[in-house]
Amino acid sequence: QPFSFPNRCADPARRARARRLRRAEGDVEAISEGTKKQPTRANLLQRENGFSTSSAPAPLPTYDALRDANLRQHFESRGVQRFLQQKGWVDKQGRIIDLDKYRSKLNIIEQEFRYAEKTEYWRLKEEDEMRRTIQIKRERALQEAKRQDRARTIKEENRIRKGLILVARNAVKPEEKVPEQHLDVSG
């Protein structure tokens, strides 16, 4: 027995009679039932462009695996509980921490951490600047000490030179006066 649609009659004669009746009543489907046209490309494009997918945006349903009754045994195991505690998702008693509820507390803690990091950064920068200043002062003091030592050495050498010149002048006897133009005073 061939397959037939449930809303149609199996007998072709009865089907034809039902179609004629519907045509007589003005049923559009019955009129075009036997003469279905193939849609043209332009007709298909027009229908496609007229199709609207706009609808009100609906939020996706949320899923919370920690509250899923089917996963309860998994989340109650010791290793998973320890992991969840380390990540901050459950407390020591195993209660789920609602991050939305504690968001303001977390925000304050994060602000305190940022402030502490910034304070530490500036403290280290100030400490480096102080070290640099102390190093510069030490280098300047060392240079000044070297300059003073050099000046003292030069003064000492000049004093010794003058003393030698005086001794050399006094060593010349007055009887043997040498004309002064022949004395070499420069050294």
C-alpha atoms as a PDB file:
ATOM      1  CA  GLN A   1       0.000   0.000   0.000  1.00  0.00           C
ATOM      2  CA  PRO A   2       1.490   3.373  -1.006  1.00  0.00           C
ATOM      3  CA  PHE A   3       2.080   6.099   1.573  1.00  0.00           C
ATOM      4  CA  SER A   4      -0.638   8.733   1.774  1.00  0.00           C
ATOM      5  CA  PHE A   5      -0.973  11.869   3.829  1.00  0.00           C
ATOM      6  CA  PRO A   6      -3.464  11.582   6.688  1.00  0.00           C
ATOM      7  CA  ASN A   7      -5.450  14.650   5.700  1.00  0.00           C
ATOM      8  CA  ARG A   8      -5.984  13.381   2.161  1.00  0.00           C
ATOM      9  CA  CYS A   9      -8.212  10.672   0.920  1.00  0.00           C
ATOM     10  CA  ALA A  10      -6.715   7.479  -0.441  1.00  0.00           C
ATOM     11  CA  ASP A  11      -9.165   7.356  -3.341  1.00  0.00           C
ATOM     12  CA  PRO A  12      -8.116   9.693  -6.202  1.00  0.00           C
ATOM     13  CA  ALA A  13     -11.706  10.209  -7.271  1.00  0.00           C
ATOM     14  CA  ARG A  14     -12.717  11.384  -3.829  1.00  0.00           C
ATOM     15  CA  ARG A  15      -9.671  13.695  -3.762  1.00  0.00           C
ATOM     16  CA  ALA A  16     -10.647  15.269  -7.057  1.00  0.00           C
ATOM     17  CA  ARG A  17     -14.240  15.779  -5.859  1.00  0.00           C
ATOM     18  CA  ALA A  18     -12.975  17.425  -2.606  1.00  0.00           C
ATOM     19  CA  ARG A  19     -10.714  19.704  -4.646  1.00  0.00           C
ATOM     20  CA  ARG A  20     -13.576  20.800  -6.893  1.00  0.00           C
ATOM     21  CA  LEU A  21     -15.663  21.567  -3.821  1.00  0.00           C
ATOM     22  CA  ARG A  22     -12.945  23.662  -2.275  1.00  0.00           C
ATOM     23  CA  ARG A  23     -12.402  25.520  -5.545  1.00  0.00           C
ATOM     24  CA  ALA A  24     -16.030  26.306  -5.680  1.00  0.00           C
ATOM     25  CA  GLU A  25     -15.830  27.721  -2.166  1.00  0.00           C
ATOM     26  CA  GLY A  26     -12.875  29.936  -3.165  1.00  0.00           C
ATOM     27  CA  ASP A  27     -10.052  28.140  -1.352  1.00  0.00           C
ATOM     28  CA  VAL A  28      -6.812  29.510  -2.789  1.00  0.00           C
ATOM     29  CA  GLU A  29      -4.780  26.425  -1.872  1.00  0.00           C
ATOM     30  CA  ALA A  30      -7.152  24.185  -3.727  1.00  0.00           C
ATOM     31  CA  ILE A  31      -6.965  26.394  -6.783  1.00  0.00           C
ATOM     32  CA  SER A  32      -3.190  26.442  -6.914  1.00  0.00           C
ATOM     33  CA  GLU A  33      -2.725  22.869  -5.703  1.00  0.00           C
ATOM     34  CA  GLY A  34      -2.272  21.307  -9.064  1.00  0.00           C
ATOM     35  CA  THR A  35      -0.475  24.212 -10.684  1.00  0.00           C
ATOM     36  CA  LYS A  36       2.386  25.050  -8.409  1.00  0.00           C
ATOM     37  CA  LYS A  37       4.921  27.392 -10.046  1.00  0.00           C
ATOM     38  CA  GLN A  38       8.633  27.201  -9.445  1.00  0.00           C
ATOM     39  CA  PRO A  39       9.804  30.363  -7.636  1.00  0.00           C
ATOM     40  CA  THR A  40      12.107  32.628  -9.619  1.00  0.00           C
ATOM     41  CA  ARG A  41      15.424  33.882  -8.302  1.00  0.00           C
ATOM     42  CA  ALA A  42      14.059  37.414  -7.955  1.00  0.00           C
ATOM     43  CA  ASN A  43      11.041  36.084  -6.074  1.00  0.00           C
ATOM     44  CA  LEU A  44      13.284  34.092  -3.721  1.00  0.00           C
ATOM     45  CA  LEU A  45      15.509  37.127  -3.074  1.00  0.00           C
ATOM     46  CA  GLN A  46      12.462  39.256  -2.349  1.00  0.00           C
ATOM     47  CA  ARG A  47      11.147  36.700   0.126  1.00  0.00           C
ATOM     48  CA  GLU A  48      14.619  36.329   1.688  1.00  0.00           C
ATOM     49  CA  ASN A  49      15.053  40.102   2.128  1.00  0.00           C
ATOM     50  CA  GLY A  50      11.606  40.329   3.672  1.00  0.00           C
ATOM     51  CA  PHE A  51      12.498  37.769   6.332  1.00  0.00           C
ATOM     52  CA  SER A  52      13.122  39.493   9.661  1.00  0.00           C
ATOM     53  CA  THR A  53      15.137  37.938  12.462  1.00  0.00           C
ATOM     54  CA  SER A  54      14.780  40.907  14.755  1.00  0.00           C
ATOM     55  CA  SER A  55      13.448  40.111  18.160  1.00  0.00           C
ATOM     56  CA  ALA A  56      13.909  41.363  21.664  1.00  0.00           C
ATOM     57  CA  PRO A  57      17.326  40.343  22.985  1.00  0.00           C
ATOM     58  CA  ALA A  58      16.875  37.695  25.610  1.00  0.00           C
ATOM     59  CA  PRO A  59      19.612  36.895  28.104  1.00  0.00           C
ATOM     60  CA  LEU A  60      21.049  33.434  27.944  1.00  0.00           C
ATOM     61  CA  PRO A  61      20.130  31.259  30.881  1.00  0.00           C
ATOM     62  CA  THR A  62      22.935  31.116  33.426  1.00  0.00           C
ATOM     63  CA  TYR A  63      24.424  27.882  34.649  1.00  0.00           C
ATOM     64  CA  ASP A  64      26.196  27.587  37.965  1.00  0.00           C
ATOM     65  CA  ALA A  65      28.078  24.309  38.184  1.00  0.00           C
ATOM     66  CA  LEU A  66      28.774  24.793  41.893  1.00  0.00           C
ATOM     67  CA  ARG A  67      25.019  24.755  42.605  1.00  0.00           C
ATOM     68  CA  ASP A  68      24.228  21.840  40.257  1.00  0.00           C
ATOM     69  CA  ALA A  69      22.801  18.980  42.331  1.00  0.00           C
ATOM     70  CA  ASN A  70      24.179  16.388  39.886  1.00  0.00           C
ATOM     71  CA  LEU A  71      27.763  17.613  40.445  1.00  0.00           C
ATOM     72  CA  ARG A  72      27.496  17.901  44.228  1.00  0.00           C
ATOM     73  CA  GLN A  73      29.458  14.712  44.910  1.00  0.00           C
ATOM     74  CA  HIS A  74      32.273  15.913  42.636  1.00  0.00           C
ATOM     75  CA  PHE A  75      32.538  19.300  44.326  1.00  0.00           C
ATOM     76  CA  GLU A  76      32.442  17.783  47.815  1.00  0.00           C
ATOM     77  CA  SER A  77      35.600  15.711  47.258  1.00  0.00           C
ATOM     78  CA  ARG A  78      38.624  16.858  49.303  1.00  0.00           C
ATOM     79  CA  GLY A  79      40.898  17.690  46.378  1.00  0.00           C
ATOM     80  CA  VAL A  80      38.266  19.755  44.581  1.00  0.00           C
ATOM     81  CA  GLN A  81      37.288  21.513  47.831  1.00  0.00           C
ATOM     82  CA  ARG A  82      40.947  22.423  48.457  1.00  0.00           C
ATOM     83  CA  PHE A  83      41.258  23.742  44.885  1.00  0.00           C
ATOM     84  CA  LEU A  84      38.047  25.789  45.203  1.00  0.00           C
ATOM     85  CA  GLN A  85      39.265  27.245  48.509  1.00  0.00           C
ATOM     86  CA  GLN A  86      42.605  28.222  46.957  1.00  0.00           C
ATOM     87  CA  LYS A  87      40.811  29.963  44.090  1.00  0.00           C
ATOM     88  CA  GLY A  88      38.453  31.734  46.511  1.00  0.00           C
ATOM     89  CA  TRP A  89      35.211  30.219  45.240  1.00  0.00           C
ATOM     90  CA  VAL A  90      34.241  28.534  48.541  1.00  0.00           C
ATOM     91  CA  ASP A  91      35.063  29.305  52.157  1.00  0.00           C
ATOM     92  CA  LYS A  92      36.549  26.895  54.720  1.00  0.00           C
ATOM     93  CA  GLN A  93      33.119  25.546  55.624  1.00  0.00           C
ATOM     94  CA  GLY A  94      32.441  24.694  51.964  1.00  0.00           C
ATOM     95  CA  ARG A  95      29.888  27.467  51.375  1.00  0.00           C
ATOM     96  CA  ILE A  96      29.885  29.049  47.935  1.00  0.00           C
ATOM     97  CA  ILE A  97      31.132  32.637  47.915  1.00  0.00           C
ATOM     98  CA  ASP A  98      28.932  34.860  45.789  1.00  0.00           C
ATOM     99  CA  LEU A  99      31.396  37.105  43.976  1.00  0.00           C
ATOM    100  CA  ASP A 100      28.687  39.586  42.992  1.00  0.00           C
ATOM    101  CA  LYS A 101      27.776  40.015  46.642  1.00  0.00           C
ATOM    102  CA  TYR A 102      31.378  40.544  47.717  1.00  0.00           C
ATOM    103  CA  ARG A 103      32.406  42.545  44.657  1.00  0.00           C
ATOM    104  CA  SER A 104      32.570  45.811  46.600  1.00  0.00           C
ATOM    105  CA  LYS A 105      34.788  44.223  49.257  1.00  0.00           C
ATOM    106  CA  LEU A 106      37.029  42.787  46.557  1.00  0.00           C
ATOM    107  CA  ASN A 107      37.139  46.171  44.833  1.00  0.00           C
ATOM    108  CA  ILE A 108      38.272  47.859  48.064  1.00  0.00           C
ATOM    109  CA  ILE A 109      40.939  45.195  48.605  1.00  0.00           C
ATOM    110  CA  GLU A 110      42.160  45.604  45.015  1.00  0.00           C
ATOM    111  CA  GLN A 111      42.323  49.379  45.503  1.00  0.00           C
ATOM    112  CA  GLU A 112      44.357  48.878  48.679  1.00  0.00           C
ATOM    113  CA  PHE A 113      46.736  46.567  46.818  1.00  0.00           C
ATOM    114  CA  ARG A 114      47.124  49.120  44.012  1.00  0.00           C
ATOM    115  CA  TYR A 115      47.780  51.860  46.579  1.00  0.00           C
ATOM    116  CA  ALA A 116      50.321  49.661  48.393  1.00  0.00           C
ATOM    117  CA  GLU A 117      52.076  48.854  45.097  1.00  0.00           C
ATOM    118  CA  LYS A 118      52.176  52.528  44.148  1.00  0.00           C
ATOM    119  CA  THR A 119      53.482  53.495  47.604  1.00  0.00           C
ATOM    120  CA  GLU A 120      56.136  50.803  47.400  1.00  0.00           C
ATOM    121  CA  TYR A 121      57.128  51.974  43.912  1.00  0.00           C
ATOM    122  CA  TRP A 122      57.575  55.568  45.088  1.00  0.00           C
ATOM    123  CA  ARG A 123      59.401  54.457  48.252  1.00  0.00           C
ATOM    124  CA  LEU A 124      61.862  52.450  46.163  1.00  0.00           C
ATOM    125  CA  LYS A 125      62.259  55.331  43.739  1.00  0.00           C
ATOM    126  CA  GLU A 126      62.937  57.741  46.608  1.00  0.00           C
ATOM    127  CA  GLU A 127      65.391  55.258  48.128  1.00  0.00           C
ATOM    128  CA  ASP A 128      67.227  54.967  44.790  1.00  0.00           C
ATOM    129  CA  GLU A 129      67.315  58.750  44.511  1.00  0.00           C
ATOM    130  CA  MET A 130      68.741  58.999  48.035  1.00  0.00           C
ATOM    131  CA  ARG A 131      71.396  56.395  47.205  1.00  0.00           C
ATOM    132  CA  ARG A 132      72.291  58.281  44.039  1.00  0.00           C
ATOM    133  CA  THR A 133      72.537  61.565  45.980  1.00  0.00           C
ATOM    134  CA  ILE A 134      74.752  59.982  48.629  1.00  0.00           C
ATOM    135  CA  GLN A 135      76.953  58.438  45.917  1.00  0.00           C
ATOM    136  CA  ILE A 136      77.296  61.822  44.173  1.00  0.00           C
ATOM    137  CA  LYS A 137      78.213  63.489  47.498  1.00  0.00           C
ATOM    138  CA  ARG A 138      80.834  60.806  48.170  1.00  0.00           C
ATOM    139  CA  GLU A 139      82.320  61.230  44.697  1.00  0.00           C
ATOM    140  CA  ARG A 140      82.420  65.020  45.119  1.00  0.00           C
ATOM    141  CA  ALA A 141      84.038  64.683  48.555  1.00  0.00           C
ATOM    142  CA  LEU A 142      86.617  62.277  47.111  1.00  0.00           C
ATOM    143  CA  GLN A 143      87.368  64.650  44.236  1.00  0.00           C
ATOM    144  CA  GLU A 144      87.648  67.567  46.677  1.00  0.00           C
ATOM    145  CA  ALA A 145      90.018  65.566  48.885  1.00  0.00           C
ATOM    146  CA  LYS A 146      92.150  64.690  45.849  1.00  0.00           C
ATOM    147  CA  ARG A 147      92.185  68.350  44.766  1.00  0.00           C
ATOM    148  CA  GLN A 148      93.176  69.507  48.259  1.00  0.00           C
ATOM    149  CA  ASP A 149      95.871  66.823  48.475  1.00  0.00           C
ATOM    150  CA  ARG A 150      97.253  67.901  45.102  1.00  0.00           C
ATOM    151  CA  ALA A 151      97.204  71.574  46.163  1.00  0.00           C
ATOM    152  CA  ARG A 152      98.973  70.649  49.431  1.00  0.00           C
ATOM    153  CA  THR A 153     101.595  68.684  47.478  1.00  0.00           C
ATOM    154  CA  ILE A 154     102.162  71.599  45.101  1.00  0.00           C
ATOM    155  CA  LYS A 155     102.482  74.038  48.037  1.00  0.00           C
ATOM    156  CA  GLU A 156     104.933  71.710  49.750  1.00  0.00           C
ATOM    157  CA  GLU A 157     106.976  71.369  46.575  1.00  0.00           C
ATOM    158  CA  ASN A 158     107.022  75.183  46.145  1.00  0.00           C
ATOM    159  CA  ARG A 159     108.098  75.661  49.776  1.00  0.00           C
ATOM    160  CA  ILE A 160     110.920  73.133  49.372  1.00  0.00           C
ATOM    161  CA  ARG A 161     111.997  74.778  46.102  1.00  0.00           C
ATOM    162  CA  LYS A 162     112.094  78.234  47.752  1.00  0.00           C
ATOM    163  CA  GLY A 163     114.071  76.801  50.650  1.00  0.00           C
ATOM    164  CA  LEU A 164     116.607  75.284  48.261  1.00  0.00           C
ATOM    165  CA  ILE A 165     116.928  78.583  46.440  1.00  0.00           C
ATOM    166  CA  LEU A 166     117.545  80.394  49.744  1.00  0.00           C
ATOM    167  CA  VAL A 167     120.107  77.849  50.814  1.00  0.00           C
ATOM    168  CA  ALA A 168     121.776  78.092  47.425  1.00  0.00           C
ATOM    169  CA  ARG A 169     121.959  81.920  47.730  1.00  0.00           C
ATOM    170  CA  ASN A 170     123.329  81.775  51.248  1.00  0.00           C
ATOM    171  CA  ALA A 171     125.862  79.146  50.268  1.00  0.00           C
ATOM    172  CA  VAL A 172     127.550  81.575  47.913  1.00  0.00           C
ATOM    173  CA  LYS A 173     130.225  83.413  49.876  1.00  0.00           C
ATOM    174  CA  PRO A 174     130.136  87.158  49.908  1.00  0.00           C
ATOM    175  CA  GLU A 175     133.770  87.392  48.721  1.00  0.00           C
ATOM    176  CA  GLU A 176     133.024  85.488  45.636  1.00  0.00           C
ATOM    177  CA  LYS A 177     130.153  87.503  44.565  1.00  0.00           C
ATOM    178  CA  VAL A 178     128.776  86.052  41.364  1.00  0.00           C
ATOM    179  CA  PRO A 179     126.964  88.457  39.184  1.00  0.00           C
ATOM    180  CA  GLU A 180     123.236  87.944  39.664  1.00  0.00           C
ATOM    181  CA  GLN A 181     122.581  87.632  36.009  1.00  0.00           C
ATOM    182  CA  HIS A 182     124.305  84.226  36.002  1.00  0.00           C
ATOM    183  CA  LEU A 183     122.197  82.748  38.834  1.00  0.00           C
ATOM    184  CA  ASP A 184     119.401  80.421  37.684  1.00  0.00           C
ATOM    185  CA  VAL A 185     116.463  81.172  39.955  1.00  0.00           C
ATOM    186  CA  SER A 186     113.953  78.981  38.182  1.00  0.00           C
ATOM    187  CA  GLY A 187     115.133  75.852  39.680  1.00  0.00           C
END
